[in-house]
Amino acid sequence: EVSLKRDLLSAIDVMMGQVIRSLWEAECASRGKQKFAVCCTGDHSTPAAYVMDHSHEPVPFCIAYVSDIVDVIGEDALAEIPKGPVQLPYNVTSEA
């Protein structure tokens, strides 16, 4: 379902913000001794319109230094990213 995929990607967006925020805090605490980068990619392309289907298109990716991300979005925006658990668009159950 397209709406589920959209909502899941929105949750992942918040999670990536949390990762970037944590890395930025660690980078600042290191006083210049550590510099972090993030890389986002997937294992294959999946068209949104076709459930359970893969395409043979190239897999997009991006790499950026955390400091460059903070320069673009600003430290104020970074501080607004919640640190707590992210609500997923479906119920997650685990089987023991």
PDB file of N, CA and C in Angstrom:
ATOM      1  N   GLU A   1       0.839  -1.174   0.000  1.00  0.00           N
ATOM      2  CA  GLU A   1       0.000   0.000   0.000  1.00  0.00           C
ATOM      3  C   GLU A   1       0.888   1.243   0.000  1.00  0.00           C
ATOM      4  N   VAL A   2       0.588   2.145  -0.889  1.00  0.00           N
ATOM      5  CA  VAL A   2       1.400   3.345  -1.062  1.00  0.00           C
ATOM      6  C   VAL A   2       1.419   4.201   0.201  1.00  0.00           C
ATOM      7  N   SER A   3       0.282   4.340   0.878  1.00  0.00           N
ATOM      8  CA  SER A   3       0.240   5.188   2.076  1.00  0.00           C
ATOM      9  C   SER A   3       1.090   4.600   3.207  1.00  0.00           C
ATOM     10  N   LEU A   4       1.125   3.279   3.330  1.00  0.00           N
ATOM     11  CA  LEU A   4       1.962   2.648   4.355  1.00  0.00           C
ATOM     12  C   LEU A   4       3.435   2.909   4.059  1.00  0.00           C
ATOM     13  N   LYS A   5       3.824   2.776   2.791  1.00  0.00           N
ATOM     14  CA  LYS A   5       5.217   3.030   2.410  1.00  0.00           C
ATOM     15  C   LYS A   5       5.579   4.490   2.696  1.00  0.00           C
ATOM     16  N   ARG A   6       4.674   5.410   2.376  1.00  0.00           N
ATOM     17  CA  ARG A   6       4.906   6.833   2.638  1.00  0.00           C
ATOM     18  C   ARG A   6       5.084   7.082   4.131  1.00  0.00           C
ATOM     19  N   ASP A   7       4.199   6.503   4.945  1.00  0.00           N
ATOM     20  CA  ASP A   7       4.256   6.706   6.391  1.00  0.00           C
ATOM     21  C   ASP A   7       5.507   6.075   7.005  1.00  0.00           C
ATOM     22  N   LEU A   8       5.923   4.935   6.480  1.00  0.00           N
ATOM     23  CA  LEU A   8       7.137   4.300   6.974  1.00  0.00           C
ATOM     24  C   LEU A   8       8.361   5.148   6.628  1.00  0.00           C
ATOM     25  N   LEU A   9       8.394   5.699   5.431  1.00  0.00           N
ATOM     26  CA  LEU A   9       9.509   6.570   5.053  1.00  0.00           C
ATOM     27  C   LEU A   9       9.536   7.832   5.914  1.00  0.00           C
ATOM     28  N   SER A  10       8.378   8.332   6.303  1.00  0.00           N
ATOM     29  CA  SER A  10       8.332   9.485   7.210  1.00  0.00           C
ATOM     30  C   SER A  10       8.926   9.135   8.574  1.00  0.00           C
ATOM     31  N   ALA A  11       8.643   7.933   9.063  1.00  0.00           N
ATOM     32  CA  ALA A  11       9.215   7.486  10.339  1.00  0.00           C
ATOM     33  C   ALA A  11      10.726   7.324  10.220  1.00  0.00           C
ATOM     34  N   ILE A  12      11.179   6.775   9.101  1.00  0.00           N
ATOM     35  CA  ILE A  12      12.622   6.618   8.881  1.00  0.00           C
ATOM     36  C   ILE A  12      13.293   7.978   8.814  1.00  0.00           C
ATOM     37  N   ASP A  13      12.626   8.966   8.239  1.00  0.00           N
ATOM     38  CA  ASP A  13      13.161  10.324   8.177  1.00  0.00           C
ATOM     39  C   ASP A  13      13.425  10.865   9.582  1.00  0.00           C
ATOM     40  N   VAL A  14      12.491  10.645  10.506  1.00  0.00           N
ATOM     41  CA  VAL A  14      12.677  11.085  11.899  1.00  0.00           C
ATOM     42  C   VAL A  14      13.843  10.322  12.531  1.00  0.00           C
ATOM     43  N   MET A  15      13.917   9.013  12.269  1.00  0.00           N
ATOM     44  CA  MET A  15      15.010   8.205  12.838  1.00  0.00           C
ATOM     45  C   MET A  15      16.375   8.674  12.339  1.00  0.00           C
ATOM     46  N   MET A  16      16.453   9.018  11.055  1.00  0.00           N
ATOM     47  CA  MET A  16      17.731   9.525  10.528  1.00  0.00           C
ATOM     48  C   MET A  16      18.085  10.853  11.195  1.00  0.00           C
ATOM     49  N   GLY A  17      17.078  11.677  11.451  1.00  0.00           N
ATOM     50  CA  GLY A  17      17.330  12.915  12.181  1.00  0.00           C
ATOM     51  C   GLY A  17      17.900  12.642  13.557  1.00  0.00           C
ATOM     52  N   GLN A  18      17.380  11.604  14.211  1.00  0.00           N
ATOM     53  CA  GLN A  18      17.886  11.240  15.535  1.00  0.00           C
ATOM     54  C   GLN A  18      19.337  10.768  15.460  1.00  0.00           C
ATOM     55  N   VAL A  19      19.651   9.995  14.446  1.00  0.00           N
ATOM     56  CA  VAL A  19      21.034   9.534  14.268  1.00  0.00           C
ATOM     57  C   VAL A  19      21.958  10.730  14.037  1.00  0.00           C
ATOM     58  N   ILE A  20      21.541  11.632  13.163  1.00  0.00           N
ATOM     59  CA  ILE A  20      22.360  12.812  12.863  1.00  0.00           C
ATOM     60  C   ILE A  20      22.526  13.678  14.112  1.00  0.00           C
ATOM     61  N   ARG A  21      21.464  13.841  14.870  1.00  0.00           N
ATOM     62  CA  ARG A  21      21.557  14.629  16.113  1.00  0.00           C
ATOM     63  C   ARG A  21      22.546  13.992  17.087  1.00  0.00           C
ATOM     64  N   SER A  22      22.465  12.688  17.262  1.00  0.00           N
ATOM     65  CA  SER A  22      23.385  11.990  18.177  1.00  0.00           C
ATOM     66  C   SER A  22      24.828  12.098  17.704  1.00  0.00           C
ATOM     67  N   LEU A  23      25.051  11.945  16.415  1.00  0.00           N
ATOM     68  CA  LEU A  23      26.412  12.058  15.879  1.00  0.00           C
ATOM     69  C   LEU A  23      26.940  13.477  16.033  1.00  0.00           C
ATOM     70  N   TRP A  24      26.085  14.469  15.819  1.00  0.00           N
ATOM     71  CA  TRP A  24      26.508  15.860  15.977  1.00  0.00           C
ATOM     72  C   TRP A  24      26.882  16.150  17.428  1.00  0.00           C
ATOM     73  N   GLU A  25      26.093  15.651  18.356  1.00  0.00           N
ATOM     74  CA  GLU A  25      26.412  15.850  19.772  1.00  0.00           C
ATOM     75  C   GLU A  25      27.759  15.197  20.118  1.00  0.00           C
ATOM     76  N   ALA A  26      28.012  14.007  19.582  1.00  0.00           N
ATOM     77  CA  ALA A  26      29.294  13.331  19.827  1.00  0.00           C
ATOM     78  C   ALA A  26      30.443  14.077  19.167  1.00  0.00           C
ATOM     79  N   GLU A  27      30.203  14.583  17.962  1.00  0.00           N
ATOM     80  CA  GLU A  27      31.248  15.337  17.261  1.00  0.00           C
ATOM     81  C   GLU A  27      31.596  16.609  18.037  1.00  0.00           C
ATOM     82  N   CYS A  28      30.591  17.315  18.531  1.00  0.00           N
ATOM     83  CA  CYS A  28      30.838  18.526  19.312  1.00  0.00           C
ATOM     84  C   CYS A  28      31.567  18.205  20.619  1.00  0.00           C
ATOM     85  N   ALA A  29      31.173  17.110  21.265  1.00  0.00           N
ATOM     86  CA  ALA A  29      31.806  16.717  22.530  1.00  0.00           C
ATOM     87  C   ALA A  29      33.267  16.334  22.340  1.00  0.00           C
ATOM     88  N   SER A  30      33.626  15.897  21.136  1.00  0.00           N
ATOM     89  CA  SER A  30      35.011  15.474  20.880  1.00  0.00           C
ATOM     90  C   SER A  30      35.946  16.656  20.661  1.00  0.00           C
ATOM     91  N   ARG A  31      35.391  17.849  20.555  1.00  0.00           N
ATOM     92  CA  ARG A  31      36.177  19.073  20.346  1.00  0.00           C
ATOM     93  C   ARG A  31      37.115  18.955  19.149  1.00  0.00           C
ATOM     94  N   GLY A  32      36.556  18.483  18.030  1.00  0.00           N
ATOM     95  CA  GLY A  32      37.319  18.418  16.785  1.00  0.00           C
ATOM     96  C   GLY A  32      38.114  17.141  16.569  1.00  0.00           C
ATOM     97  N   LYS A  33      38.081  16.216  17.517  1.00  0.00           N
ATOM     98  CA  LYS A  33      38.847  14.977  17.369  1.00  0.00           C
ATOM     99  C   LYS A  33      38.120  13.937  16.531  1.00  0.00           C
ATOM    100  N   GLN A  34      36.792  14.070  16.404  1.00  0.00           N
ATOM    101  CA  GLN A  34      36.002  13.132  15.606  1.00  0.00           C
ATOM    102  C   GLN A  34      35.164  13.902  14.602  1.00  0.00           C
ATOM    103  N   LYS A  35      35.041  13.348  13.388  1.00  0.00           N
ATOM    104  CA  LYS A  35      34.194  13.926  12.362  1.00  0.00           C
ATOM    105  C   LYS A  35      33.407  12.772  11.753  1.00  0.00           C
ATOM    106  N   PHE A  36      32.087  12.887  11.771  1.00  0.00           N
ATOM    107  CA  PHE A  36      31.224  11.807  11.310  1.00  0.00           C
ATOM    108  C   PHE A  36      30.602  12.124   9.951  1.00  0.00           C
ATOM    109  N   ALA A  37      30.311  11.060   9.226  1.00  0.00           N
ATOM    110  CA  ALA A  37      29.582  11.151   7.967  1.00  0.00           C
ATOM    111  C   ALA A  37      28.491  10.095   7.993  1.00  0.00           C
ATOM    112  N   VAL A  38      27.435  10.327   7.237  1.00  0.00           N
ATOM    113  CA  VAL A  38      26.362   9.343   7.102  1.00  0.00           C
ATOM    114  C   VAL A  38      26.194   9.000   5.629  1.00  0.00           C
ATOM    115  N   CYS A  39      25.795   7.762   5.383  1.00  0.00           N
ATOM    116  CA  CYS A  39      25.509   7.291   4.036  1.00  0.00           C
ATOM    117  C   CYS A  39      24.140   6.613   4.072  1.00  0.00           C
ATOM    118  N   CYS A  40      23.263   7.037   3.200  1.00  0.00           N
ATOM    119  CA  CYS A  40      21.924   6.448   3.108  1.00  0.00           C
ATOM    120  C   CYS A  40      21.786   5.768   1.753  1.00  0.00           C
ATOM    121  N   THR A  41      21.358   4.530   1.778  1.00  0.00           N
ATOM    122  CA  THR A  41      21.171   3.781   0.542  1.00  0.00           C
ATOM    123  C   THR A  41      20.150   2.682   0.773  1.00  0.00           C
ATOM    124  N   GLY A  42      19.825   1.976  -0.241  1.00  0.00           N
ATOM    125  CA  GLY A  42      18.934   0.825  -0.157  1.00  0.00           C
ATOM    126  C   GLY A  42      19.568  -0.349  -0.870  1.00  0.00           C
ATOM    127  N   ASP A  43      18.952  -1.505  -0.781  1.00  0.00           N
ATOM    128  CA  ASP A  43      19.528  -2.672  -1.453  1.00  0.00           C
ATOM    129  C   ASP A  43      18.993  -2.852  -2.873  1.00  0.00           C
ATOM    130  N   HIS A  44      17.864  -2.173  -3.188  1.00  0.00           N
ATOM    131  CA  HIS A  44      17.299  -2.223  -4.540  1.00  0.00           C
ATOM    132  C   HIS A  44      16.229  -1.153  -4.668  1.00  0.00           C
ATOM    133  N   SER A  45      15.881  -0.832  -5.884  1.00  0.00           N
ATOM    134  CA  SER A  45      14.792   0.118  -6.117  1.00  0.00           C
ATOM    135  C   SER A  45      13.474  -0.628  -6.105  1.00  0.00           C
ATOM    136  N   THR A  46      12.466  -0.022  -5.515  1.00  0.00           N
ATOM    137  CA  THR A  46      11.126  -0.607  -5.474  1.00  0.00           C
ATOM    138  C   THR A  46      10.128   0.455  -5.899  1.00  0.00           C
ATOM    139  N   PRO A  47       9.468   0.267  -7.016  1.00  0.00           N
ATOM    140  CA  PRO A  47       8.467   1.258  -7.436  1.00  0.00           C
ATOM    141  C   PRO A  47       7.339   1.361  -6.415  1.00  0.00           C
ATOM    142  N   ALA A  48       6.904   2.579  -6.112  1.00  0.00           N
ATOM    143  CA  ALA A  48       5.842   2.777  -5.122  1.00  0.00           C
ATOM    144  C   ALA A  48       4.498   2.243  -5.606  1.00  0.00           C
ATOM    145  N   ALA A  49       4.296   2.230  -6.904  1.00  0.00           N
ATOM    146  CA  ALA A  49       2.996   1.829  -7.445  1.00  0.00           C
ATOM    147  C   ALA A  49       2.800   0.312  -7.497  1.00  0.00           C
ATOM    148  N   TYR A  50       3.869  -0.461  -7.384  1.00  0.00           N
ATOM    149  CA  TYR A  50       3.762  -1.910  -7.523  1.00  0.00           C
ATOM    150  C   TYR A  50       4.276  -2.597  -6.261  1.00  0.00           C
ATOM    151  N   VAL A  51       3.379  -3.143  -5.492  1.00  0.00           N
ATOM    152  CA  VAL A  51       3.739  -3.803  -4.245  1.00  0.00           C
ATOM    153  C   VAL A  51       4.463  -5.108  -4.558  1.00  0.00           C
ATOM    154  N   MET A  52       5.472  -5.400  -3.785  1.00  0.00           N
ATOM    155  CA  MET A  52       6.236  -6.650  -3.906  1.00  0.00           C
ATOM    156  C   MET A  52       6.938  -6.784  -5.256  1.00  0.00           C
ATOM    157  N   ASP A  53       7.389  -5.680  -5.815  1.00  0.00           N
ATOM    158  CA  ASP A  53       8.074  -5.716  -7.099  1.00  0.00           C
ATOM    159  C   ASP A  53       9.363  -4.904  -6.978  1.00  0.00           C
ATOM    160  N   HIS A  54      10.381  -5.292  -7.690  1.00  0.00           N
ATOM    161  CA  HIS A  54      11.638  -4.567  -7.720  1.00  0.00           C
ATOM    162  C   HIS A  54      11.898  -4.109  -9.144  1.00  0.00           C
ATOM    163  N   SER A  55      12.678  -3.053  -9.275  1.00  0.00           N
ATOM    164  CA  SER A  55      13.050  -2.607 -10.612  1.00  0.00           C
ATOM    165  C   SER A  55      14.548  -2.815 -10.793  1.00  0.00           C
ATOM    166  N   HIS A  56      14.984  -2.635 -12.002  1.00  0.00           N
ATOM    167  CA  HIS A  56      16.408  -2.794 -12.307  1.00  0.00           C
ATOM    168  C   HIS A  56      17.098  -1.439 -12.421  1.00  0.00           C
ATOM    169  N   GLU A  57      16.470  -0.429 -11.837  1.00  0.00           N
ATOM    170  CA  GLU A  57      17.034   0.913 -11.847  1.00  0.00           C
ATOM    171  C   GLU A  57      18.215   0.991 -10.882  1.00  0.00           C
ATOM    172  N   PRO A  58      19.129   1.935 -11.119  1.00  0.00           N
ATOM    173  CA  PRO A  58      20.239   2.121 -10.170  1.00  0.00           C
ATOM    174  C   PRO A  58      19.713   2.467  -8.779  1.00  0.00           C
ATOM    175  N   VAL A  59      20.462   2.081  -7.770  1.00  0.00           N
ATOM    176  CA  VAL A  59      20.073   2.350  -6.384  1.00  0.00           C
ATOM    177  C   VAL A  59      20.634   3.719  -5.983  1.00  0.00           C
ATOM    178  N   PRO A  60      19.755   4.650  -5.617  1.00  0.00           N
ATOM    179  CA  PRO A  60      20.236   5.971  -5.208  1.00  0.00           C
ATOM    180  C   PRO A  60      20.916   5.908  -3.841  1.00  0.00           C
ATOM    181  N   PHE A  61      21.833   6.831  -3.614  1.00  0.00           N
ATOM    182  CA  PHE A  61      22.486   6.928  -2.314  1.00  0.00           C
ATOM    183  C   PHE A  61      22.953   8.359  -2.102  1.00  0.00           C
ATOM    184  N   CYS A  62      23.242   8.682  -0.861  1.00  0.00           N
ATOM    185  CA  CYS A  62      23.838   9.980  -0.557  1.00  0.00           C
ATOM    186  C   CYS A  62      24.814   9.808   0.605  1.00  0.00           C
ATOM    187  N   ILE A  63      25.857  10.623   0.575  1.00  0.00           N
ATOM    188  CA  ILE A  63      26.874  10.638   1.632  1.00  0.00           C
ATOM    189  C   ILE A  63      27.079  12.100   2.017  1.00  0.00           C
ATOM    190  N   ALA A  64      27.120  12.363   3.305  1.00  0.00           N
ATOM    191  CA  ALA A  64      27.341  13.739   3.755  1.00  0.00           C
ATOM    192  C   ALA A  64      28.000  13.745   5.120  1.00  0.00           C
ATOM    193  N   TYR A  65      28.873  14.716   5.322  1.00  0.00           N
ATOM    194  CA  TYR A  65      29.396  14.942   6.666  1.00  0.00           C
ATOM    195  C   TYR A  65      28.266  15.489   7.525  1.00  0.00           C
ATOM    196  N   VAL A  66      28.226  15.062   8.774  1.00  0.00           N
ATOM    197  CA  VAL A  66      27.201  15.535   9.694  1.00  0.00           C
ATOM    198  C   VAL A  66      27.292  17.055   9.847  1.00  0.00           C
ATOM    199  N   SER A  67      28.492  17.586   9.885  1.00  0.00           N
ATOM    200  CA  SER A  67      28.651  19.043  10.028  1.00  0.00           C
ATOM    201  C   SER A  67      28.052  19.788   8.836  1.00  0.00           C
ATOM    202  N   ASP A  68      28.132  19.219   7.641  1.00  0.00           N
ATOM    203  CA  ASP A  68      27.521  19.853   6.468  1.00  0.00           C
ATOM    204  C   ASP A  68      25.998  19.822   6.559  1.00  0.00           C
ATOM    205  N   ILE A  69      25.456  18.730   7.083  1.00  0.00           N
ATOM    206  CA  ILE A  69      24.002  18.640   7.266  1.00  0.00           C
ATOM    207  C   ILE A  69      23.544  19.704   8.248  1.00  0.00           C
ATOM    208  N   VAL A  70      24.286  19.856   9.348  1.00  0.00           N
ATOM    209  CA  VAL A  70      23.933  20.858  10.364  1.00  0.00           C
ATOM    210  C   VAL A  70      24.043  22.260   9.774  1.00  0.00           C
ATOM    211  N   ASP A  71      25.033  22.497   8.925  1.00  0.00           N
ATOM    212  CA  ASP A  71      25.154  23.804   8.271  1.00  0.00           C
ATOM    213  C   ASP A  71      23.912  24.119   7.434  1.00  0.00           C
ATOM    214  N   VAL A  72      23.349  23.100   6.787  1.00  0.00           N
ATOM    215  CA  VAL A  72      22.189  23.302   5.915  1.00  0.00           C
ATOM    216  C   VAL A  72      20.900  23.473   6.721  1.00  0.00           C
ATOM    217  N   ILE A  73      20.666  22.594   7.696  1.00  0.00           N
ATOM    218  CA  ILE A  73      19.387  22.654   8.419  1.00  0.00           C
ATOM    219  C   ILE A  73      19.436  23.568   9.634  1.00  0.00           C
ATOM    220  N   GLY A  74      20.613  23.818  10.161  1.00  0.00           N
ATOM    221  CA  GLY A  74      20.764  24.694  11.324  1.00  0.00           C
ATOM    222  C   GLY A  74      20.667  23.934  12.636  1.00  0.00           C
ATOM    223  N   GLU A  75      21.399  24.416  13.620  1.00  0.00           N
ATOM    224  CA  GLU A  75      21.405  23.761  14.928  1.00  0.00           C
ATOM    225  C   GLU A  75      20.051  23.872  15.627  1.00  0.00           C
ATOM    226  N   ASP A  76      19.301  24.938  15.374  1.00  0.00           N
ATOM    227  CA  ASP A  76      17.985  25.071  15.989  1.00  0.00           C
ATOM    228  C   ASP A  76      17.043  23.971  15.509  1.00  0.00           C
ATOM    229  N   ALA A  77      17.055  23.701  14.209  1.00  0.00           N
ATOM    230  CA  ALA A  77      16.212  22.630  13.662  1.00  0.00           C
ATOM    231  C   ALA A  77      16.655  21.272  14.199  1.00  0.00           C
ATOM    232  N   LEU A  78      17.957  21.092  14.336  1.00  0.00           N
ATOM    233  CA  LEU A  78      18.484  19.834  14.857  1.00  0.00           C
ATOM    234  C   LEU A  78      18.030  19.619  16.300  1.00  0.00           C
ATOM    235  N   ALA A  79      18.002  20.683  17.085  1.00  0.00           N
ATOM    236  CA  ALA A  79      17.596  20.579  18.485  1.00  0.00           C
ATOM    237  C   ALA A  79      16.119  20.218  18.627  1.00  0.00           C
ATOM    238  N   GLU A  80      15.323  20.472  17.607  1.00  0.00           N
ATOM    239  CA  GLU A  80      13.892  20.167  17.651  1.00  0.00           C
ATOM    240  C   GLU A  80      13.589  18.699  17.342  1.00  0.00           C
ATOM    241  N   ILE A  81      14.569  17.940  16.875  1.00  0.00           N
ATOM    242  CA  ILE A  81      14.350  16.532  16.546  1.00  0.00           C
ATOM    243  C   ILE A  81      14.168  15.759  17.849  1.00  0.00           C
ATOM    244  N   PRO A  82      13.055  15.034  17.986  1.00  0.00           N
ATOM    245  CA  PRO A  82      12.799  14.310  19.235  1.00  0.00           C
ATOM    246  C   PRO A  82      13.810  13.184  19.454  1.00  0.00           C
ATOM    247  N   LYS A  83      14.136  12.953  20.718  1.00  0.00           N
ATOM    248  CA  LYS A  83      15.088  11.891  21.046  1.00  0.00           C
ATOM    249  C   LYS A  83      14.410  10.561  21.379  1.00  0.00           C
ATOM    250  N   GLY A  84      13.128  10.583  21.628  1.00  0.00           N
ATOM    251  CA  GLY A  84      12.419   9.388  22.077  1.00  0.00           C
ATOM    252  C   GLY A  84      12.096   8.419  20.950  1.00  0.00           C
ATOM    253  N   PRO A  85      11.367   7.366  21.296  1.00  0.00           N
ATOM    254  CA  PRO A  85      10.974   6.360  20.305  1.00  0.00           C
ATOM    255  C   PRO A  85      10.121   6.984  19.198  1.00  0.00           C
ATOM    256  N   VAL A  86      10.234   6.413  18.014  1.00  0.00           N
ATOM    257  CA  VAL A  86       9.479   6.888  16.856  1.00  0.00           C
ATOM    258  C   VAL A  86       8.282   5.966  16.640  1.00  0.00           C
ATOM    259  N   GLN A  87       7.109   6.567  16.473  1.00  0.00           N
ATOM    260  CA  GLN A  87       5.896   5.793  16.222  1.00  0.00           C
ATOM    261  C   GLN A  87       5.907   5.269  14.785  1.00  0.00           C
ATOM    262  N   LEU A  88       5.866   3.950  14.648  1.00  0.00           N
ATOM    263  CA  LEU A  88       5.800   3.338  13.321  1.00  0.00           C
ATOM    264  C   LEU A  88       4.352   3.321  12.839  1.00  0.00           C
ATOM    265  N   PRO A  89       4.143   3.283  11.524  1.00  0.00           N
ATOM    266  CA  PRO A  89       2.783   3.336  10.993  1.00  0.00           C
ATOM    267  C   PRO A  89       2.029   2.015  11.079  1.00  0.00           C
ATOM    268  N   TYR A  90       2.554   1.053  11.826  1.00  0.00           N
ATOM    269  CA  TYR A  90       1.883  -0.241  12.002  1.00  0.00           C
ATOM    270  C   TYR A  90       2.310  -0.813  13.344  1.00  0.00           C
ATOM    271  N   ASN A  91       1.608  -1.790  13.830  1.00  0.00           N
ATOM    272  CA  ASN A  91       1.955  -2.428  15.107  1.00  0.00           C
ATOM    273  C   ASN A  91       3.075  -3.426  14.885  1.00  0.00           C
ATOM    274  N   VAL A  92       4.088  -3.353  15.730  1.00  0.00           N
ATOM    275  CA  VAL A  92       5.216  -4.270  15.649  1.00  0.00           C
ATOM    276  C   VAL A  92       5.061  -5.280  16.778  1.00  0.00           C
ATOM    277  N   THR A  93       5.051  -6.546  16.436  1.00  0.00           N
ATOM    278  CA  THR A  93       4.987  -7.594  17.445  1.00  0.00           C
ATOM    279  C   THR A  93       6.186  -8.490  17.275  1.00  0.00           C
ATOM    280  N   SER A  94       6.624  -9.062  18.354  1.00  0.00           N
ATOM    281  CA  SER A  94       7.742 -10.011  18.265  1.00  0.00           C
ATOM    282  C   SER A  94       7.262 -11.356  18.811  1.00  0.00           C
ATOM    283  N   GLU A  95       7.712 -12.377  18.153  1.00  0.00           N
ATOM    284  CA  GLU A  95       7.366 -13.715  18.597  1.00  0.00           C
ATOM    285  C   GLU A  95       8.558 -14.315  19.309  1.00  0.00           C
ATOM    286  N   ALA A  96       8.332 -14.857  20.484  1.00  0.00           N
ATOM    287  CA  ALA A  96       9.433 -15.428  21.278  1.00  0.00           C
ATOM    288  C   ALA A  96       9.712 -16.847  20.846  1.00  0.00           C
TER     289      ALA A  96
END
